[in-house]
Amino acid sequence: MTDRGEKIVSLAREMLRADMEVEPAPQKPSISFKVLCFATILSALGGGVVSGWIHEARRPLTRYERVELEALVFYAARQKNLDEKTLRQEIETRTGVSDFADLTETDYLNTKSYLQSQIP
């Protein structure tokens, strides 16, 4: 039993010695602090703007936007003597969505301008 304990202690010592032998760190490129701060601020600002713009285009419609589109579909269908369902299907094929309720912010803007152009 003591032989086993001695082996464990000697193995632990070897592991500790191996951990202490660390290779020297590679030389870091010399960048001034001002440049580093400026790059950090630019990346933070630019990233927020881009991600906000991307997520805004993909967000689902709000209740008010949906009501506005429903009203425009109703009015445009009445003006052109079409069925609302037919007009919705036309919008779905134009935007590439499977259901009228799945429209995003980008689709909303395109659909709104299309419906307004359909009303004489």
Protein backbone atom coordinates (compact mmCIF):
# COMPACT_ATOMS: atom_id res chain seq x y z
CA MET A 1 0.00 0.00 0.00
CA THR A 2 2.88 2.37 0.69
CA ASP A 3 4.38 1.59 -2.71
CA ARG A 4 1.16 2.73 -4.36
CA GLY A 5 1.09 5.92 -2.29
CA GLU A 6 4.70 6.67 -3.16
CA LYS A 7 3.97 6.17 -6.87
CA ILE A 8 1.06 8.59 -6.69
CA VAL A 9 3.18 11.18 -4.91
CA SER A 10 6.03 10.83 -7.42
CA LEU A 11 3.60 11.07 -10.37
CA ALA A 12 2.03 14.18 -8.88
CA ARG A 13 5.47 15.77 -8.48
CA GLU A 14 6.32 15.00 -12.11
CA MET A 15 3.05 16.52 -13.27
CA LEU A 16 3.71 19.68 -11.24
CA ARG A 17 7.22 20.00 -12.65
CA ALA A 18 5.88 19.55 -16.19
CA ASP A 19 3.27 22.30 -15.61
CA MET A 20 5.93 24.68 -14.33
CA GLU A 21 8.01 24.33 -17.47
CA VAL A 22 6.23 26.89 -19.61
CA GLU A 23 7.45 28.02 -22.99
CA PRO A 24 8.14 31.74 -23.28
CA ALA A 25 5.26 33.74 -24.72
CA PRO A 26 5.66 34.87 -28.33
CA GLN A 27 6.38 38.54 -28.92
CA LYS A 28 3.23 40.58 -29.32
CA PRO A 29 3.10 43.15 -32.10
CA SER A 30 3.58 46.66 -30.79
CA ILE A 31 0.35 48.62 -31.17
CA SER A 32 -0.17 51.89 -29.41
CA PHE A 33 -2.88 52.11 -26.81
CA LYS A 34 -4.72 54.85 -28.72
CA VAL A 35 -4.91 52.73 -31.87
CA LEU A 36 -6.17 49.76 -29.88
CA CYS A 37 -8.88 51.87 -28.19
CA PHE A 38 -9.90 53.42 -31.50
CA ALA A 39 -10.16 50.00 -33.18
CA THR A 40 -12.21 48.66 -30.29
CA ILE A 41 -14.66 51.58 -30.39
CA LEU A 42 -15.03 51.33 -34.17
CA SER A 43 -15.70 47.62 -34.07
CA ALA A 44 -18.24 48.02 -31.26
CA LEU A 45 -20.10 50.83 -33.00
CA GLY A 46 -19.99 49.23 -36.43
CA GLY A 47 -21.07 45.85 -35.15
CA GLY A 48 -24.05 47.30 -33.33
CA VAL A 49 -25.21 49.23 -36.36
CA VAL A 50 -24.87 46.28 -38.71
CA SER A 51 -26.49 43.77 -36.36
CA GLY A 52 -29.33 46.19 -35.59
CA TRP A 53 -29.95 46.73 -39.28
CA ILE A 54 -29.90 42.98 -40.02
CA HIS A 55 -32.23 42.10 -37.15
CA GLU A 56 -34.60 44.94 -38.01
CA ALA A 57 -35.04 43.51 -41.50
CA ARG A 58 -35.81 40.04 -40.12
CA ARG A 59 -38.13 40.91 -37.28
CA PRO A 60 -41.78 39.85 -37.46
CA LEU A 61 -44.43 42.46 -38.07
CA THR A 62 -46.04 44.28 -35.19
CA ARG A 63 -49.78 44.11 -34.67
CA TYR A 64 -50.23 47.61 -36.11
CA GLU A 65 -48.22 46.84 -39.24
CA ARG A 66 -50.27 43.69 -39.76
CA VAL A 67 -53.53 45.66 -39.39
CA GLU A 68 -52.27 48.26 -41.85
CA LEU A 69 -51.46 45.59 -44.44
CA GLU A 70 -54.82 43.91 -43.91
CA ALA A 71 -56.56 47.24 -44.49
CA LEU A 72 -54.50 47.91 -47.62
CA VAL A 73 -55.26 44.42 -48.96
CA PHE A 74 -58.96 44.94 -48.30
CA TYR A 75 -59.01 48.37 -49.98
CA ALA A 76 -56.85 47.33 -52.97
CA ALA A 77 -58.97 44.22 -53.52
CA ARG A 78 -62.15 46.31 -53.54
CA GLN A 79 -60.64 48.85 -55.93
CA LYS A 80 -59.48 46.19 -58.41
CA ASN A 81 -62.56 43.95 -57.97
CA LEU A 82 -60.43 41.05 -56.75
CA ASP A 83 -60.82 38.56 -53.96
CA GLU A 84 -58.68 39.35 -50.88
CA LYS A 85 -57.37 35.78 -50.83
CA THR A 86 -56.14 36.11 -54.41
CA LEU A 87 -54.36 39.35 -53.61
CA ARG A 88 -52.76 37.81 -50.52
CA GLN A 89 -51.52 34.87 -52.59
CA GLU A 90 -50.06 37.29 -55.12
CA ILE A 91 -48.21 39.09 -52.33
CA GLU A 92 -46.95 35.77 -50.94
CA THR A 93 -45.51 34.80 -54.33
CA ARG A 94 -43.95 38.26 -54.79
CA THR A 95 -42.27 38.19 -51.37
CA GLY A 96 -41.47 34.46 -51.32
CA VAL A 97 -43.17 33.68 -48.00
CA SER A 98 -45.37 30.67 -47.45
CA ASP A 99 -48.00 32.51 -45.42
CA PHE A 100 -49.13 36.13 -45.31
CA ALA A 101 -48.62 36.15 -41.53
CA ASP A 102 -44.89 35.31 -41.95
CA LEU A 103 -43.98 38.66 -43.51
CA THR A 104 -40.94 40.45 -42.08
CA GLU A 105 -40.09 44.15 -41.86
CA THR A 106 -38.49 44.17 -45.30
CA ASP A 107 -41.46 42.35 -46.79
CA TYR A 108 -43.76 44.83 -45.06
CA LEU A 109 -42.14 47.82 -46.73
CA ASN A 110 -42.18 46.16 -50.17
CA THR A 111 -45.77 44.94 -49.77
CA LYS A 112 -46.96 48.33 -48.56
CA SER A 113 -45.48 50.14 -51.56
CA TYR A 114 -46.86 47.48 -53.93
CA LEU A 115 -50.37 47.72 -52.48
CA GLN A 116 -50.29 51.50 -52.57
CA SER A 117 -49.30 51.35 -56.22
CA GLN A 118 -52.29 49.07 -56.91
CA ILE A 119 -54.74 51.64 -55.58
CA PRO A 120 -55.66 54.16 -58.28
